[in-house]
Amino acid sequence: MCSDGGPVLARVHATNTLDDIFGAGGHRETLVHKAMDIIGREGRGVIVLIRESKPDAISSRLTREEKPEQSGQQRLIEYGIGAQILLDLGVREMVLLSNSPARKIVGLEGYGLKVVGHRSLAS
């Protein structure tokens, strides 16, 4: 159970199969790899991968039919799923691993989760 010992390093990541698995974005090291490195050095943490919800996501990207931006509704669904998984893993307090500016994520308190800090994934 992750809840023992204080805040847990956490990365909830919406996968992009082309970039994360196949490296199609031209990035040698993905954000998932960076998060794994940081958690490995720390010795404690969790990475939750949220799969792409559209069955045609890869073909849409290959044919450039899909815009890279996500709708607000899709992000809320991913936050909710990620929160449920973190809760099931025993996470209660976490330090988010992210390159996004620190901001309050609305609704996490309703799951019994608390963000106590942020750590950059920048090299």
PDB file of N, CA and C in Angstrom:
ATOM      1  N   MET A   1       0.838  -1.180   0.000  1.00  0.00           N
ATOM      2  CA  MET A   1       0.000   0.000   0.000  1.00  0.00           C
ATOM      3  C   MET A   1       0.883   1.243   0.000  1.00  0.00           C
ATOM      4  N   CYS A   2       0.554   2.210  -0.828  1.00  0.00           N
ATOM      5  CA  CYS A   2       1.368   3.420  -0.982  1.00  0.00           C
ATOM      6  C   CYS A   2       1.152   4.443   0.107  1.00  0.00           C
ATOM      7  N   SER A   3       0.089   4.339   0.906  1.00  0.00           N
ATOM      8  CA  SER A   3      -0.250   5.394   1.839  1.00  0.00           C
ATOM      9  C   SER A   3       0.705   5.469   3.023  1.00  0.00           C
ATOM     10  N   ASP A   4       1.505   4.451   3.259  1.00  0.00           N
ATOM     11  CA  ASP A   4       2.453   4.464   4.360  1.00  0.00           C
ATOM     12  C   ASP A   4       3.681   5.284   3.985  1.00  0.00           C
ATOM     13  N   GLY A   5       4.111   6.172   4.877  1.00  0.00           N
ATOM     14  CA  GLY A   5       5.373   6.873   4.654  1.00  0.00           C
ATOM     15  C   GLY A   5       5.278   8.236   4.027  1.00  0.00           C
ATOM     16  N   GLY A   6       4.106   8.840   3.974  1.00  0.00           N
ATOM     17  CA  GLY A   6       4.007  10.200   3.462  1.00  0.00           C
ATOM     18  C   GLY A   6       3.696  10.288   1.994  1.00  0.00           C
ATOM     19  N   PRO A   7       3.862  11.498   1.422  1.00  0.00           N
ATOM     20  CA  PRO A   7       3.501  11.731   0.025  1.00  0.00           C
ATOM     21  C   PRO A   7       4.262  10.822  -0.946  1.00  0.00           C
ATOM     22  N   VAL A   8       3.584  10.473  -2.022  1.00  0.00           N
ATOM     23  CA  VAL A   8       4.122   9.578  -3.038  1.00  0.00           C
ATOM     24  C   VAL A   8       4.340  10.370  -4.329  1.00  0.00           C
ATOM     25  N   LEU A   9       5.470  10.144  -4.991  1.00  0.00           N
ATOM     26  CA  LEU A   9       5.663  10.711  -6.321  1.00  0.00           C
ATOM     27  C   LEU A   9       4.639  10.068  -7.250  1.00  0.00           C
ATOM     28  N   ALA A  10       3.952  10.876  -8.049  1.00  0.00           N
ATOM     29  CA  ALA A  10       2.904  10.327  -8.905  1.00  0.00           C
ATOM     30  C   ALA A  10       2.907  11.006 -10.272  1.00  0.00           C
ATOM     31  N   ARG A  11       2.762  10.184 -11.283  1.00  0.00           N
ATOM     32  CA  ARG A  11       2.594  10.664 -12.663  1.00  0.00           C
ATOM     33  C   ARG A  11       1.380   9.955 -13.233  1.00  0.00           C
ATOM     34  N   VAL A  12       0.338  10.718 -13.584  1.00  0.00           N
ATOM     35  CA  VAL A  12      -0.800  10.168 -14.303  1.00  0.00           C
ATOM     36  C   VAL A  12      -0.652  10.667 -15.726  1.00  0.00           C
ATOM     37  N   HIS A  13      -0.551   9.730 -16.657  1.00  0.00           N
ATOM     38  CA  HIS A  13      -0.149  10.063 -18.022  1.00  0.00           C
ATOM     39  C   HIS A  13      -1.138   9.497 -19.018  1.00  0.00           C
ATOM     40  N   ALA A  14      -1.736  10.382 -19.804  1.00  0.00           N
ATOM     41  CA  ALA A  14      -2.590   9.945 -20.910  1.00  0.00           C
ATOM     42  C   ALA A  14      -1.675   9.541 -22.056  1.00  0.00           C
ATOM     43  N   THR A  15      -1.687   8.270 -22.395  1.00  0.00           N
ATOM     44  CA  THR A  15      -0.738   7.776 -23.384  1.00  0.00           C
ATOM     45  C   THR A  15      -1.032   8.292 -24.781  1.00  0.00           C
ATOM     46  N   ASN A  16       0.030   8.484 -25.493  1.00  0.00           N
ATOM     47  CA  ASN A  16      -0.009   8.758 -26.921  1.00  0.00           C
ATOM     48  C   ASN A  16       0.858   7.656 -27.515  1.00  0.00           C
ATOM     49  N   THR A  17       0.214   6.630 -28.031  1.00  0.00           N
ATOM     50  CA  THR A  17       0.914   5.430 -28.476  1.00  0.00           C
ATOM     51  C   THR A  17       2.051   5.743 -29.438  1.00  0.00           C
ATOM     52  N   LEU A  18       1.818   6.626 -30.378  1.00  0.00           N
ATOM     53  CA  LEU A  18       2.855   6.933 -31.367  1.00  0.00           C
ATOM     54  C   LEU A  18       4.090   7.543 -30.706  1.00  0.00           C
ATOM     55  N   ASP A  19       3.903   8.483 -29.783  1.00  0.00           N
ATOM     56  CA  ASP A  19       5.041   9.126 -29.127  1.00  0.00           C
ATOM     57  C   ASP A  19       5.632   8.264 -28.011  1.00  0.00           C
ATOM     58  N   ASP A  20       4.764   7.763 -27.118  1.00  0.00           N
ATOM     59  CA  ASP A  20       5.239   7.066 -25.929  1.00  0.00           C
ATOM     60  C   ASP A  20       5.820   5.686 -26.214  1.00  0.00           C
ATOM     61  N   ILE A  21       5.231   4.971 -27.128  1.00  0.00           N
ATOM     62  CA  ILE A  21       5.696   3.611 -27.417  1.00  0.00           C
ATOM     63  C   ILE A  21       6.673   3.577 -28.587  1.00  0.00           C
ATOM     64  N   PHE A  22       6.323   4.272 -29.654  1.00  0.00           N
ATOM     65  CA  PHE A  22       7.122   4.187 -30.870  1.00  0.00           C
ATOM     66  C   PHE A  22       8.084   5.355 -31.060  1.00  0.00           C
ATOM     67  N   GLY A  23       8.019   6.372 -30.209  1.00  0.00           N
ATOM     68  CA  GLY A  23       8.930   7.510 -30.317  1.00  0.00           C
ATOM     69  C   GLY A  23       8.735   8.326 -31.574  1.00  0.00           C
ATOM     70  N   ALA A  24       7.503   8.348 -32.098  1.00  0.00           N
ATOM     71  CA  ALA A  24       7.243   9.033 -33.361  1.00  0.00           C
ATOM     72  C   ALA A  24       7.403  10.546 -33.264  1.00  0.00           C
ATOM     73  N   GLY A  25       7.330  11.094 -32.060  1.00  0.00           N
ATOM     74  CA  GLY A  25       7.457  12.535 -31.897  1.00  0.00           C
ATOM     75  C   GLY A  25       8.885  13.024 -32.005  1.00  0.00           C
ATOM     76  N   GLY A  26       9.828  12.102 -32.181  1.00  0.00           N
ATOM     77  CA  GLY A  26      11.226  12.479 -32.308  1.00  0.00           C
ATOM     78  C   GLY A  26      11.928  12.692 -30.977  1.00  0.00           C
ATOM     79  N   HIS A  27      11.224  12.445 -29.875  1.00  0.00           N
ATOM     80  CA  HIS A  27      11.826  12.615 -28.558  1.00  0.00           C
ATOM     81  C   HIS A  27      12.499  11.304 -28.157  1.00  0.00           C
ATOM     82  N   ARG A  28      13.768  11.376 -27.817  1.00  0.00           N
ATOM     83  CA  ARG A  28      14.486  10.166 -27.411  1.00  0.00           C
ATOM     84  C   ARG A  28      13.967   9.650 -26.081  1.00  0.00           C
ATOM     85  N   GLU A  29      13.688  10.552 -25.164  1.00  0.00           N
ATOM     86  CA  GLU A  29      13.226  10.149 -23.848  1.00  0.00           C
ATOM     87  C   GLU A  29      11.857  10.775 -23.602  1.00  0.00           C
ATOM     88  N   THR A  30      10.840   9.947 -23.406  1.00  0.00           N
ATOM     89  CA  THR A  30       9.496  10.460 -23.197  1.00  0.00           C
ATOM     90  C   THR A  30       9.305  10.890 -21.746  1.00  0.00           C
ATOM     91  N   LEU A  31       8.201  11.571 -21.489  1.00  0.00           N
ATOM     92  CA  LEU A  31       7.876  11.988 -20.128  1.00  0.00           C
ATOM     93  C   LEU A  31       7.696  10.785 -19.209  1.00  0.00           C
ATOM     94  N   VAL A  32       7.180   9.688 -19.753  1.00  0.00           N
ATOM     95  CA  VAL A  32       7.025   8.468 -18.953  1.00  0.00           C
ATOM     96  C   VAL A  32       8.394   7.943 -18.533  1.00  0.00           C
ATOM     97  N   HIS A  33       9.352   7.931 -19.461  1.00  0.00           N
ATOM     98  CA  HIS A  33      10.699   7.473 -19.126  1.00  0.00           C
ATOM     99  C   HIS A  33      11.338   8.367 -18.066  1.00  0.00           C
ATOM    100  N   LYS A  34      11.159   9.676 -18.211  1.00  0.00           N
ATOM    101  CA  LYS A  34      11.707  10.608 -17.223  1.00  0.00           C
ATOM    102  C   LYS A  34      11.092  10.358 -15.853  1.00  0.00           C
ATOM    103  N   ALA A  35       9.772  10.146 -15.816  1.00  0.00           N
ATOM    104  CA  ALA A  35       9.101   9.863 -14.548  1.00  0.00           C
ATOM    105  C   ALA A  35       9.622   8.569 -13.930  1.00  0.00           C
ATOM    106  N   MET A  36       9.828   7.539 -14.764  1.00  0.00           N
ATOM    107  CA  MET A  36      10.370   6.272 -14.246  1.00  0.00           C
ATOM    108  C   MET A  36      11.765   6.468 -13.666  1.00  0.00           C
ATOM    109  N   ASP A  37      12.585   7.268 -14.324  1.00  0.00           N
ATOM    110  CA  ASP A  37      13.936   7.537 -13.817  1.00  0.00           C
ATOM    111  C   ASP A  37      13.885   8.228 -12.454  1.00  0.00           C
ATOM    112  N   ILE A  38      13.033   9.250 -12.338  1.00  0.00           N
ATOM    113  CA  ILE A  38      12.924   9.989 -11.083  1.00  0.00           C
ATOM    114  C   ILE A  38      12.411   9.089  -9.963  1.00  0.00           C
ATOM    115  N   ILE A  39      11.384   8.307 -10.249  1.00  0.00           N
ATOM    116  CA  ILE A  39      10.834   7.396  -9.245  1.00  0.00           C
ATOM    117  C   ILE A  39      11.862   6.333  -8.876  1.00  0.00           C
ATOM    118  N   GLY A  40      12.618   5.842  -9.853  1.00  0.00           N
ATOM    119  CA  GLY A  40      13.665   4.863  -9.577  1.00  0.00           C
ATOM    120  C   GLY A  40      14.728   5.410  -8.634  1.00  0.00           C
ATOM    121  N   ARG A  41      15.130   6.653  -8.875  1.00  0.00           N
ATOM    122  CA  ARG A  41      16.124   7.272  -7.986  1.00  0.00           C
ATOM    123  C   ARG A  41      15.555   7.502  -6.585  1.00  0.00           C
ATOM    124  N   GLU A  42      14.289   7.885  -6.528  1.00  0.00           N
ATOM    125  CA  GLU A  42      13.621   8.146  -5.240  1.00  0.00           C
ATOM    126  C   GLU A  42      13.337   6.839  -4.504  1.00  0.00           C
ATOM    127  N   GLY A  43      13.094   5.785  -5.277  1.00  0.00           N
ATOM    128  CA  GLY A  43      12.816   4.487  -4.674  1.00  0.00           C
ATOM    129  C   GLY A  43      11.358   4.264  -4.312  1.00  0.00           C
ATOM    130  N   ARG A  44      10.498   5.196  -4.684  1.00  0.00           N
ATOM    131  CA  ARG A  44       9.097   5.085  -4.307  1.00  0.00           C
ATOM    132  C   ARG A  44       8.253   6.007  -5.182  1.00  0.00           C
ATOM    133  N   GLY A  45       7.177   5.484  -5.747  1.00  0.00           N
ATOM    134  CA  GLY A  45       6.293   6.296  -6.562  1.00  0.00           C
ATOM    135  C   GLY A  45       5.375   5.435  -7.404  1.00  0.00           C
ATOM    136  N   VAL A  46       4.532   6.109  -8.176  1.00  0.00           N
ATOM    137  CA  VAL A  46       3.558   5.400  -8.998  1.00  0.00           C
ATOM    138  C   VAL A  46       3.375   6.144 -10.315  1.00  0.00           C
ATOM    139  N   ILE A  47       3.235   5.370 -11.383  1.00  0.00           N
ATOM    140  CA  ILE A  47       2.889   5.920 -12.695  1.00  0.00           C
ATOM    141  C   ILE A  47       1.614   5.227 -13.140  1.00  0.00           C
ATOM    142  N   VAL A  48       0.615   6.031 -13.456  1.00  0.00           N
ATOM    143  CA  VAL A  48      -0.658   5.505 -13.952  1.00  0.00           C
ATOM    144  C   VAL A  48      -0.761   5.907 -15.413  1.00  0.00           C
ATOM    145  N   LEU A  49      -0.887   4.917 -16.280  1.00  0.00           N
ATOM    146  CA  LEU A  49      -1.042   5.174 -17.708  1.00  0.00           C
ATOM    147  C   LEU A  49      -2.511   5.039 -18.077  1.00  0.00           C
ATOM    148  N   ILE A  50      -3.058   6.109 -18.634  1.00  0.00           N
ATOM    149  CA  ILE A  50      -4.446   6.095 -19.092  1.00  0.00           C
ATOM    150  C   ILE A  50      -4.410   5.885 -20.602  1.00  0.00           C
ATOM    151  N   ARG A  51      -5.034   4.827 -21.050  1.00  0.00           N
ATOM    152  CA  ARG A  51      -4.987   4.506 -22.481  1.00  0.00           C
ATOM    153  C   ARG A  51      -5.811   5.498 -23.294  1.00  0.00           C
ATOM    154  N   GLU A  52      -5.498   5.545 -24.558  1.00  0.00           N
ATOM    155  CA  GLU A  52      -6.257   6.387 -25.477  1.00  0.00           C
ATOM    156  C   GLU A  52      -7.666   5.821 -25.576  1.00  0.00           C
ATOM    157  N   SER A  53      -8.657   6.684 -25.420  1.00  0.00           N
ATOM    158  CA  SER A  53     -10.036   6.201 -25.346  1.00  0.00           C
ATOM    159  C   SER A  53     -10.696   6.002 -26.706  1.00  0.00           C
ATOM    160  N   LYS A  54     -10.150   6.617 -27.725  1.00  0.00           N
ATOM    161  CA  LYS A  54     -10.752   6.465 -29.057  1.00  0.00           C
ATOM    162  C   LYS A  54     -10.113   5.283 -29.770  1.00  0.00           C
ATOM    163  N   PRO A  55     -10.926   4.351 -30.274  1.00  0.00           N
ATOM    164  CA  PRO A  55     -10.356   3.171 -30.928  1.00  0.00           C
ATOM    165  C   PRO A  55      -9.566   3.498 -32.198  1.00  0.00           C
ATOM    166  N   ASP A  56      -9.841   4.640 -32.805  1.00  0.00           N
ATOM    167  CA  ASP A  56      -9.139   5.007 -34.036  1.00  0.00           C
ATOM    168  C   ASP A  56      -8.078   6.094 -33.798  1.00  0.00           C
ATOM    169  N   ALA A  57      -7.624   6.249 -32.567  1.00  0.00           N
ATOM    170  CA  ALA A  57      -6.685   7.332 -32.224  1.00  0.00           C
ATOM    171  C   ALA A  57      -5.399   7.277 -33.055  1.00  0.00           C
ATOM    172  N   ILE A  58      -4.832   6.101 -33.219  1.00  0.00           N
ATOM    173  CA  ILE A  58      -3.575   5.992 -33.965  1.00  0.00           C
ATOM    174  C   ILE A  58      -3.797   6.301 -35.439  1.00  0.00           C
ATOM    175  N   SER A  59      -4.804   5.697 -36.048  1.00  0.00           N
ATOM    176  CA  SER A  59      -5.033   5.960 -37.473  1.00  0.00           C
ATOM    177  C   SER A  59      -5.405   7.422 -37.713  1.00  0.00           C
ATOM    178  N   SER A  60      -6.134   8.037 -36.787  1.00  0.00           N
ATOM    179  CA  SER A  60      -6.479   9.453 -36.931  1.00  0.00           C
ATOM    180  C   SER A  60      -5.239  10.326 -36.904  1.00  0.00           C
ATOM    181  N   ARG A  61      -4.303   9.999 -36.019  1.00  0.00           N
ATOM    182  CA  ARG A  61      -3.066  10.783 -35.960  1.00  0.00           C
ATOM    183  C   ARG A  61      -2.212  10.570 -37.206  1.00  0.00           C
ATOM    184  N   LEU A  62      -2.187   9.349 -37.684  1.00  0.00           N
ATOM    185  CA  LEU A  62      -1.391   9.069 -38.877  1.00  0.00           C
ATOM    186  C   LEU A  62      -1.932   9.783 -40.104  1.00  0.00           C
ATOM    187  N   THR A  63      -3.240   9.934 -40.162  1.00  0.00           N
ATOM    188  CA  THR A  63      -3.835  10.613 -41.308  1.00  0.00           C
ATOM    189  C   THR A  63      -4.097  12.088 -41.018  1.00  0.00           C
ATOM    190  N   ARG A  64      -3.628  12.551 -39.858  1.00  0.00           N
ATOM    191  CA  ARG A  64      -3.737  13.958 -39.443  1.00  0.00           C
ATOM    192  C   ARG A  64      -5.177  14.434 -39.305  1.00  0.00           C
ATOM    193  N   GLU A  65      -6.097  13.503 -39.042  1.00  0.00           N
ATOM    194  CA  GLU A  65      -7.494  13.893 -38.870  1.00  0.00           C
ATOM    195  C   GLU A  65      -7.769  14.418 -37.475  1.00  0.00           C
ATOM    196  N   GLU A  66      -6.964  14.032 -36.491  1.00  0.00           N
ATOM    197  CA  GLU A  66      -7.218  14.416 -35.113  1.00  0.00           C
ATOM    198  C   GLU A  66      -6.353  15.589 -34.715  1.00  0.00           C
ATOM    199  N   LYS A  67      -6.965  16.564 -34.089  1.00  0.00           N
ATOM    200  CA  LYS A  67      -6.222  17.707 -33.579  1.00  0.00           C
ATOM    201  C   LYS A  67      -5.546  17.301 -32.278  1.00  0.00           C
ATOM    202  N   PRO A  68      -4.360  17.837 -31.972  1.00  0.00           N
ATOM    203  CA  PRO A  68      -3.655  17.434 -30.767  1.00  0.00           C
ATOM    204  C   PRO A  68      -4.322  17.884 -29.474  1.00  0.00           C
ATOM    205  N   GLU A  69      -5.167  18.905 -29.518  1.00  0.00           N
ATOM    206  CA  GLU A  69      -5.800  19.382 -28.298  1.00  0.00           C
ATOM    207  C   GLU A  69      -6.883  18.407 -27.871  1.00  0.00           C
ATOM    208  N   GLN A  70      -7.040  18.284 -26.540  1.00  0.00           N
ATOM    209  CA  GLN A  70      -8.093  17.446 -26.011  1.00  0.00           C
ATOM    210  C   GLN A  70      -9.224  18.324 -25.531  1.00  0.00           C
ATOM    211  N   SER A  71     -10.443  17.791 -25.580  1.00  0.00           N
ATOM    212  CA  SER A  71     -11.576  18.537 -25.056  1.00  0.00           C
ATOM    213  C   SER A  71     -11.513  18.550 -23.539  1.00  0.00           C
ATOM    214  N   GLY A  72     -12.145  19.545 -22.939  1.00  0.00           N
ATOM    215  CA  GLY A  72     -12.205  19.628 -21.485  1.00  0.00           C
ATOM    216  C   GLY A  72     -12.888  18.421 -20.884  1.00  0.00           C
ATOM    217  N   GLN A  73     -13.938  17.915 -21.542  1.00  0.00           N
ATOM    218  CA  GLN A  73     -14.655  16.741 -21.055  1.00  0.00           C
ATOM    219  C   GLN A  73     -13.737  15.527 -21.004  1.00  0.00           C
ATOM    220  N   GLN A  74     -12.915  15.330 -22.034  1.00  0.00           N
ATOM    221  CA  GLN A  74     -12.006  14.188 -22.063  1.00  0.00           C
ATOM    222  C   GLN A  74     -10.996  14.279 -20.920  1.00  0.00           C
ATOM    223  N   ARG A  75     -10.467  15.467 -20.660  1.00  0.00           N
ATOM    224  CA  ARG A  75      -9.520  15.648 -19.559  1.00  0.00           C
ATOM    225  C   ARG A  75     -10.159  15.327 -18.214  1.00  0.00           C
ATOM    226  N   LEU A  76     -11.407  15.758 -17.998  1.00  0.00           N
ATOM    227  CA  LEU A  76     -12.091  15.462 -16.743  1.00  0.00           C
ATOM    228  C   LEU A  76     -12.273  13.958 -16.559  1.00  0.00           C
ATOM    229  N   ILE A  77     -12.607  13.267 -17.637  1.00  0.00           N
ATOM    230  CA  ILE A  77     -12.750  11.810 -17.561  1.00  0.00           C
ATOM    231  C   ILE A  77     -11.420  11.176 -17.168  1.00  0.00           C
ATOM    232  N   GLU A  78     -10.319  11.627 -17.790  1.00  0.00           N
ATOM    233  CA  GLU A  78      -9.002  11.072 -17.470  1.00  0.00           C
ATOM    234  C   GLU A  78      -8.607  11.372 -16.033  1.00  0.00           C
ATOM    235  N   TYR A  79      -8.887  12.592 -15.541  1.00  0.00           N
ATOM    236  CA  TYR A  79      -8.589  12.920 -14.147  1.00  0.00           C
ATOM    237  C   TYR A  79      -9.353  12.008 -13.201  1.00  0.00           C
ATOM    238  N   GLY A  80     -10.623  11.772 -13.508  1.00  0.00           N
ATOM    239  CA  GLY A  80     -11.435  10.916 -12.652  1.00  0.00           C
ATOM    240  C   GLY A  80     -10.941   9.483 -12.623  1.00  0.00           C
ATOM    241  N   ILE A  81     -10.599   8.959 -13.784  1.00  0.00           N
ATOM    242  CA  ILE A  81     -10.081   7.590 -13.854  1.00  0.00           C
ATOM    243  C   ILE A  81      -8.752   7.497 -13.117  1.00  0.00           C
ATOM    244  N   GLY A  82      -7.866   8.451 -13.365  1.00  0.00           N
ATOM    245  CA  GLY A  82      -6.572   8.464 -12.675  1.00  0.00           C
ATOM    246  C   GLY A  82      -6.740   8.559 -11.174  1.00  0.00           C
ATOM    247  N   ALA A  83      -7.661   9.391 -10.714  1.00  0.00           N
ATOM    248  CA  ALA A  83      -7.898   9.551  -9.277  1.00  0.00           C
ATOM    249  C   ALA A  83      -8.388   8.245  -8.663  1.00  0.00           C
ATOM    250  N   GLN A  84      -9.284   7.557  -9.336  1.00  0.00           N
ATOM    251  CA  GLN A  84      -9.788   6.286  -8.821  1.00  0.00           C
ATOM    252  C   GLN A  84      -8.681   5.246  -8.719  1.00  0.00           C
ATOM    253  N   ILE A  85      -7.803   5.202  -9.716  1.00  0.00           N
ATOM    254  CA  ILE A  85      -6.697   4.235  -9.696  1.00  0.00           C
ATOM    255  C   ILE A  85      -5.738   4.567  -8.556  1.00  0.00           C
ATOM    256  N   LEU A  86      -5.368   5.844  -8.409  1.00  0.00           N
ATOM    257  CA  LEU A  86      -4.478   6.247  -7.320  1.00  0.00           C
ATOM    258  C   LEU A  86      -5.070   5.870  -5.966  1.00  0.00           C
ATOM    259  N   LEU A  87      -6.340   6.117  -5.786  1.00  0.00           N
ATOM    260  CA  LEU A  87      -7.018   5.782  -4.537  1.00  0.00           C
ATOM    261  C   LEU A  87      -6.971   4.276  -4.289  1.00  0.00           C
ATOM    262  N   ASP A  88      -7.233   3.481  -5.325  1.00  0.00           N
ATOM    263  CA  ASP A  88      -7.176   2.017  -5.194  1.00  0.00           C
ATOM    264  C   ASP A  88      -5.771   1.527  -4.841  1.00  0.00           C
ATOM    265  N   LEU A  89      -4.753   2.276  -5.283  1.00  0.00           N
ATOM    266  CA  LEU A  89      -3.367   1.909  -4.973  1.00  0.00           C
ATOM    267  C   LEU A  89      -2.952   2.341  -3.571  1.00  0.00           C
ATOM    268  N   GLY A  90      -3.819   3.075  -2.884  1.00  0.00           N
ATOM    269  CA  GLY A  90      -3.512   3.503  -1.527  1.00  0.00           C
ATOM    270  C   GLY A  90      -2.872   4.874  -1.432  1.00  0.00           C
ATOM    271  N   VAL A  91      -2.795   5.591  -2.542  1.00  0.00           N
ATOM    272  CA  VAL A  91      -2.213   6.932  -2.529  1.00  0.00           C
ATOM    273  C   VAL A  91      -3.228   7.886  -1.902  1.00  0.00           C
ATOM    274  N   ARG A  92      -2.764   8.721  -0.998  1.00  0.00           N
ATOM    275  CA  ARG A  92      -3.616   9.753  -0.410  1.00  0.00           C
ATOM    276  C   ARG A  92      -2.995  11.135  -0.623  1.00  0.00           C
ATOM    277  N   GLU A  93      -1.690  11.248  -0.385  1.00  0.00           N
ATOM    278  CA  GLU A  93      -0.959  12.491  -0.613  1.00  0.00           C
ATOM    279  C   GLU A  93       0.092  12.236  -1.671  1.00  0.00           C
ATOM    280  N   MET A  94       0.240  13.207  -2.594  1.00  0.00           N
ATOM    281  CA  MET A  94       1.180  12.968  -3.684  1.00  0.00           C
ATOM    282  C   MET A  94       1.917  14.232  -4.083  1.00  0.00           C
ATOM    283  N   VAL A  95       3.083  14.003  -4.664  1.00  0.00           N
ATOM    284  CA  VAL A  95       3.865  15.041  -5.323  1.00  0.00           C
ATOM    285  C   VAL A  95       3.768  14.719  -6.804  1.00  0.00           C
ATOM    286  N   LEU A  96       3.158  15.612  -7.579  1.00  0.00           N
ATOM    287  CA  LEU A  96       2.949  15.356  -9.005  1.00  0.00           C
ATOM    288  C   LEU A  96       4.228  15.544  -9.803  1.00  0.00           C
ATOM    289  N   LEU A  97       4.501  14.616 -10.693  1.00  0.00           N
ATOM    290  CA  LEU A  97       5.607  14.717 -11.637  1.00  0.00           C
ATOM    291  C   LEU A  97       5.038  15.251 -12.936  1.00  0.00           C
ATOM    292  N   SER A  98       5.392  16.488 -13.284  1.00  0.00           N
ATOM    293  CA  SER A  98       4.799  17.131 -14.450  1.00  0.00           C
ATOM    294  C   SER A  98       5.652  18.293 -14.909  1.00  0.00           C
ATOM    295  N   ASN A  99       5.584  18.588 -16.191  1.00  0.00           N
ATOM    296  CA  ASN A  99       6.221  19.794 -16.716  1.00  0.00           C
ATOM    297  C   ASN A  99       5.227  20.936 -16.843  1.00  0.00           C
ATOM    298  N   SER A 100       3.971  20.670 -16.573  1.00  0.00           N
ATOM    299  CA  SER A 100       2.944  21.711 -16.618  1.00  0.00           C
ATOM    300  C   SER A 100       3.075  22.599 -15.385  1.00  0.00           C
ATOM    301  N   PRO A 101       2.700  23.857 -15.516  1.00  0.00           N
ATOM    302  CA  PRO A 101       2.735  24.740 -14.355  1.00  0.00           C
ATOM    303  C   PRO A 101       1.851  24.186 -13.239  1.00  0.00           C
ATOM    304  N   ALA A 102       2.305  24.352 -12.005  1.00  0.00           N
ATOM    305  CA  ALA A 102       1.541  23.876 -10.855  1.00  0.00           C
ATOM    306  C   ALA A 102       0.195  24.591 -10.817  1.00  0.00           C
ATOM    307  N   ARG A 103      -0.857  23.816 -10.705  1.00  0.00           N
ATOM    308  CA  ARG A 103      -2.194  24.388 -10.594  1.00  0.00           C
ATOM    309  C   ARG A 103      -3.069  23.448  -9.792  1.00  0.00           C
ATOM    310  N   LYS A 104      -4.118  23.983  -9.242  1.00  0.00           N
ATOM    311  CA  LYS A 104      -5.049  23.171  -8.475  1.00  0.00           C
ATOM    312  C   LYS A 104      -5.871  22.313  -9.432  1.00  0.00           C
ATOM    313  N   ILE A 105      -5.949  21.041  -9.145  1.00  0.00           N
ATOM    314  CA  ILE A 105      -6.761  20.130  -9.945  1.00  0.00           C
ATOM    315  C   ILE A 105      -8.088  19.958  -9.212  1.00  0.00           C
ATOM    316  N   VAL A 106      -9.121  20.521  -9.786  1.00  0.00           N
ATOM    317  CA  VAL A 106     -10.429  20.557  -9.151  1.00  0.00           C
ATOM    318  C   VAL A 106     -10.988  19.143  -8.995  1.00  0.00           C
ATOM    319  N   GLY A 107     -11.522  18.861  -7.816  1.00  0.00           N
ATOM    320  CA  GLY A 107     -12.231  17.618  -7.585  1.00  0.00           C
ATOM    321  C   GLY A 107     -11.437  16.504  -6.936  1.00  0.00           C
ATOM    322  N   LEU A 108     -10.122  16.627  -6.821  1.00  0.00           N
ATOM    323  CA  LEU A 108      -9.333  15.546  -6.229  1.00  0.00           C
ATOM    324  C   LEU A 108      -9.701  15.305  -4.769  1.00  0.00           C
ATOM    325  N   GLU A 109     -10.046  16.385  -4.059  1.00  0.00           N
ATOM    326  CA  GLU A 109     -10.406  16.245  -2.649  1.00  0.00           C
ATOM    327  C   GLU A 109     -11.601  15.308  -2.477  1.00  0.00           C
ATOM    328  N   GLY A 110     -12.492  15.310  -3.473  1.00  0.00           N
ATOM    329  CA  GLY A 110     -13.654  14.436  -3.426  1.00  0.00           C
ATOM    330  C   GLY A 110     -13.285  12.961  -3.445  1.00  0.00           C
ATOM    331  N   TYR A 111     -12.093  12.664  -3.946  1.00  0.00           N
ATOM    332  CA  TYR A 111     -11.595  11.281  -3.955  1.00  0.00           C
ATOM    333  C   TYR A 111     -10.741  10.986  -2.722  1.00  0.00           C
ATOM    334  N   GLY A 112     -10.515  11.995  -1.885  1.00  0.00           N
ATOM    335  CA  GLY A 112      -9.651  11.811  -0.720  1.00  0.00           C
ATOM    336  C   GLY A 112      -8.181  11.943  -1.065  1.00  0.00           C
ATOM    337  N   LEU A 113      -7.871  12.602  -2.199  1.00  0.00           N
ATOM    338  CA  LEU A 113      -6.494  12.787  -2.645  1.00  0.00           C
ATOM    339  C   LEU A 113      -6.062  14.232  -2.415  1.00  0.00           C
ATOM    340  N   LYS A 114      -4.785  14.402  -2.123  1.00  0.00           N
ATOM    341  CA  LYS A 114      -4.257  15.740  -1.897  1.00  0.00           C
ATOM    342  C   LYS A 114      -2.901  15.878  -2.587  1.00  0.00           C
ATOM    343  N   VAL A 115      -2.766  16.933  -3.390  1.00  0.00           N
ATOM    344  CA  VAL A 115      -1.484  17.243  -4.022  1.00  0.00           C
ATOM    345  C   VAL A 115      -0.720  18.143  -3.048  1.00  0.00           C
ATOM    346  N   VAL A 116       0.432  17.670  -2.584  1.00  0.00           N
ATOM    347  CA  VAL A 116       1.217  18.444  -1.618  1.00  0.00           C
ATOM    348  C   VAL A 116       2.447  19.093  -2.251  1.00  0.00           C
ATOM    349  N   GLY A 117       2.679  18.823  -3.535  1.00  0.00           N
ATOM    350  CA  GLY A 117       3.808  19.437  -4.218  1.00  0.00           C
ATOM    351  C   GLY A 117       3.871  19.036  -5.677  1.00  0.00           C
ATOM    352  N   HIS A 118       4.776  19.680  -6.381  1.00  0.00           N
ATOM    353  CA  HIS A 118       5.011  19.407  -7.803  1.00  0.00           C
ATOM    354  C   HIS A 118       6.518  19.259  -8.015  1.00  0.00           C
ATOM    355  N   ARG A 119       6.879  18.371  -8.909  1.00  0.00           N
ATOM    356  CA  ARG A 119       8.285  18.215  -9.289  1.00  0.00           C
ATOM    357  C   ARG A 119       8.361  18.155 -10.806  1.00  0.00           C
ATOM    358  N   SER A 120       9.271  18.914 -11.364  1.00  0.00           N
ATOM    359  CA  SER A 120       9.417  18.997 -12.810  1.00  0.00           C
ATOM    360  C   SER A 120      10.055  17.723 -13.364  1.00  0.00           C
ATOM    361  N   LEU A 121       9.654  17.392 -14.567  1.00  0.00           N
ATOM    362  CA  LEU A 121      10.262  16.276 -15.298  1.00  0.00           C
ATOM    363  C   LEU A 121      11.411  16.740 -16.189  1.00  0.00           C
ATOM    364  N   ALA A 122      11.691  18.035 -16.167  1.00  0.00           N
ATOM    365  CA  ALA A 122      12.764  18.588 -17.001  1.00  0.00           C
ATOM    366  C   ALA A 122      14.102  17.950 -16.624  1.00  0.00           C
ATOM    367  N   SER A 123      14.891  17.730 -17.631  1.00  0.00           N
ATOM    368  CA  SER A 123      16.207  17.101 -17.399  1.00  0.00           C
ATOM    369  C   SER A 123      17.166  18.049 -16.746  1.00  0.00           C
TER     370      SER A 123
END
